[in-house]
Amino acid sequence: MGVEVTREAAGVAVFSPDGRLLVGRHAHDGRWATIGGSVEDAESPDDAAKREAREEVGLVLDSLHPLGRFADSPIYDVTYPDGIVVRYAVTMYAAVLENAAQPVPDGREILDVAWVARDDLERIELATDMAEIIPAAFAWLDLHAQDNSPLETH
């Protein structure tokens, strides 16, 4: 079955201060991915990424760092249980969580959360779009660590 719907989406790669990535296990397919979802009408992608972080895992992110737009590939196709195939065009951001807030899965879209080190990513079943998104997120983290640039707190 081909793509039936194309949707704008936004997501955020949330990092811990020690460089671990927050991933959530999604209810629709049981795979792990960064936090994100559809951009609603009259909503900007960065507002959508902040809203998704709040709704899916209870995190309030004040500012985000742009990672780029990921689209135009079958790896961004999601087949839902009702058979609908959606191709997402994803605007991604990064954030470093410096405060004591702990993510809590909403139990509806996100069933579980984990902080995962780069070397542990191969041990979990990732959503297909993470093949491009996660390397871009870690490239951003590496660049900022290399620069000794202060990372904003969120």
Protein backbone atom coordinates (compact mmCIF):
# COMPACT_ATOMS: atom_id res chain seq x y z
CA MET A 1 0.00 0.00 0.00
CA GLY A 2 1.32 3.46 -0.86
CA VAL A 3 1.40 6.65 1.14
CA GLU A 4 -2.10 7.89 1.76
CA VAL A 5 -1.35 11.07 3.72
CA THR A 6 1.65 13.38 4.11
CA ARG A 7 1.91 15.31 7.38
CA GLU A 8 4.19 17.92 8.82
CA ALA A 9 5.78 16.75 12.05
CA ALA A 10 8.23 18.06 14.61
CA GLY A 11 10.44 16.31 17.10
CA VAL A 12 13.12 16.89 19.66
CA ALA A 13 16.22 14.89 20.53
CA VAL A 14 16.49 15.46 24.27
CA PHE A 15 19.93 14.79 25.77
CA SER A 16 20.98 14.36 29.37
CA PRO A 17 24.01 16.39 30.56
CA ASP A 18 26.16 13.26 30.19
CA GLY A 19 25.18 12.81 26.52
CA ARG A 20 22.50 10.12 26.74
CA LEU A 21 19.52 10.42 24.41
CA LEU A 22 15.91 10.20 25.58
CA VAL A 23 13.89 7.71 23.56
CA GLY A 24 10.30 6.62 23.93
CA ARG A 25 8.69 3.32 23.00
CA HIS A 26 5.72 4.16 20.79
CA ALA A 27 2.35 2.48 21.30
CA HIS A 28 1.53 2.15 17.58
CA ASP A 29 4.49 -0.12 16.74
CA GLY A 30 6.51 -0.80 19.90
CA ARG A 31 9.64 0.80 18.44
CA TRP A 32 11.83 3.38 20.11
CA ALA A 33 12.25 6.93 18.79
CA THR A 34 12.87 10.50 19.82
CA ILE A 35 9.92 12.54 21.04
CA GLY A 36 7.66 14.14 18.44
CA GLY A 37 4.48 14.14 16.43
CA SER A 38 2.25 16.00 14.00
CA VAL A 39 2.26 19.78 13.70
CA GLU A 40 -1.25 21.06 14.37
CA ASP A 41 -3.01 23.77 12.31
CA ALA A 42 -1.57 27.26 12.90
CA GLU A 43 1.27 25.79 15.01
CA SER A 44 4.96 26.34 14.28
CA PRO A 45 7.26 23.31 14.22
CA ASP A 46 9.17 24.47 17.31
CA ASP A 47 5.92 24.99 19.23
CA ALA A 48 4.81 21.51 18.10
CA ALA A 49 8.08 19.95 19.33
CA LYS A 50 7.68 21.66 22.72
CA ARG A 51 4.03 20.57 22.94
CA GLU A 52 4.88 16.97 22.07
CA ALA A 53 7.60 16.89 24.76
CA ARG A 54 5.08 18.18 27.29
CA GLU A 55 2.26 15.85 26.21
CA GLU A 56 4.25 12.65 25.59
CA VAL A 57 6.75 12.74 28.47
CA GLY A 58 5.85 15.72 30.67
CA LEU A 59 8.95 17.81 29.91
CA VAL A 60 8.85 21.59 29.55
CA LEU A 61 11.51 22.75 27.07
CA ASP A 62 12.00 26.50 26.88
CA SER A 63 14.29 26.70 23.87
CA LEU A 64 15.35 24.35 21.13
CA HIS A 65 18.32 24.07 18.76
CA PRO A 66 17.39 23.38 15.10
CA LEU A 67 18.76 20.14 13.62
CA GLY A 68 17.10 20.27 10.21
CA ARG A 69 14.21 18.94 8.19
CA PHE A 70 13.96 15.24 7.39
CA ALA A 71 11.59 14.23 4.59
CA ASP A 72 11.10 12.71 1.13
CA SER A 73 12.04 9.14 1.99
CA PRO A 74 10.12 5.95 2.70
CA ILE A 75 11.90 5.76 6.08
CA TYR A 76 9.48 8.48 7.22
CA ASP A 77 6.43 6.34 6.39
CA VAL A 78 4.40 5.04 9.33
CA THR A 79 1.73 2.37 8.89
CA TYR A 80 -0.84 2.60 11.66
CA PRO A 81 -2.94 -0.31 12.96
CA ASP A 82 -5.92 0.88 10.85
CA GLY A 83 -3.79 0.45 7.70
CA ILE A 84 -3.35 4.16 6.98
CA VAL A 85 0.16 4.98 5.75
CA VAL A 86 1.43 8.45 6.67
CA ARG A 87 4.64 10.00 5.35
CA TYR A 88 5.99 12.51 7.82
CA ALA A 89 8.11 15.55 6.92
CA VAL A 90 9.93 16.08 10.22
CA THR A 91 11.49 19.30 11.50
CA MET A 92 13.88 18.21 14.25
CA TYR A 93 15.37 20.05 17.20
CA ALA A 94 17.79 19.22 20.01
CA ALA A 95 17.74 20.14 23.69
CA VAL A 96 19.86 19.31 26.74
CA LEU A 97 17.87 18.70 29.90
CA GLU A 98 19.93 20.19 32.72
CA ASN A 99 17.28 20.32 35.42
CA ALA A 100 16.00 17.56 37.66
CA ALA A 101 12.84 16.91 35.64
CA GLN A 102 12.35 13.27 34.78
CA PRO A 103 10.39 12.18 31.72
CA VAL A 104 7.19 10.24 32.38
CA PRO A 105 5.52 8.40 29.48
CA ASP A 106 1.92 9.42 28.82
CA GLY A 107 0.87 5.75 28.53
CA ARG A 108 -1.16 6.50 25.42
CA GLU A 109 1.36 7.37 22.70
CA ILE A 110 4.55 6.63 24.62
CA LEU A 111 4.57 3.41 26.66
CA ASP A 112 8.04 3.65 28.16
CA VAL A 113 11.05 5.97 28.17
CA ALA A 114 14.78 5.36 28.45
CA TRP A 115 18.00 7.37 28.48
CA VAL A 116 20.25 5.59 25.99
CA ALA A 117 23.99 5.97 25.42
CA ARG A 118 25.15 6.16 21.81
CA ASP A 119 26.74 2.71 22.06
CA ASP A 120 23.50 1.15 23.33
CA LEU A 121 21.29 2.31 20.45
CA GLU A 122 22.02 -0.81 18.41
CA ARG A 123 20.50 -2.93 21.19
CA ILE A 124 16.99 -1.51 20.89
CA GLU A 125 14.48 -1.64 18.05
CA LEU A 126 14.42 1.87 16.61
CA ALA A 127 11.82 3.38 14.29
CA THR A 128 13.10 3.47 10.71
CA ASP A 129 13.38 7.28 10.56
CA MET A 130 15.86 7.22 13.44
CA ALA A 131 18.51 6.01 10.96
CA GLU A 132 18.93 9.64 9.82
CA ILE A 133 17.61 11.59 12.79
CA ILE A 134 19.72 10.09 15.59
CA PRO A 135 23.10 10.52 13.79
CA ALA A 136 22.19 14.17 13.09
CA ALA A 137 21.32 14.67 16.75
CA PHE A 138 24.60 13.19 17.98
CA ALA A 139 26.52 15.21 15.35
CA TRP A 140 24.96 18.35 16.86
CA LEU A 141 25.94 17.20 20.37
CA ASP A 142 29.50 16.40 19.25
CA LEU A 143 29.88 19.79 17.59
CA HIS A 144 28.85 21.63 20.73
CA ALA A 145 31.06 19.48 22.96
CA GLN A 146 34.00 20.02 20.59
CA ASP A 147 33.49 23.79 20.58
CA ASN A 148 33.23 23.83 24.36
CA SER A 149 30.15 25.89 23.63
CA PRO A 150 27.90 26.23 26.62
CA LEU A 151 24.68 24.31 26.09
CA GLU A 152 21.53 26.13 27.06
CA THR A 153 19.62 24.67 29.96
CA HIS A 154 16.00 23.66 29.58
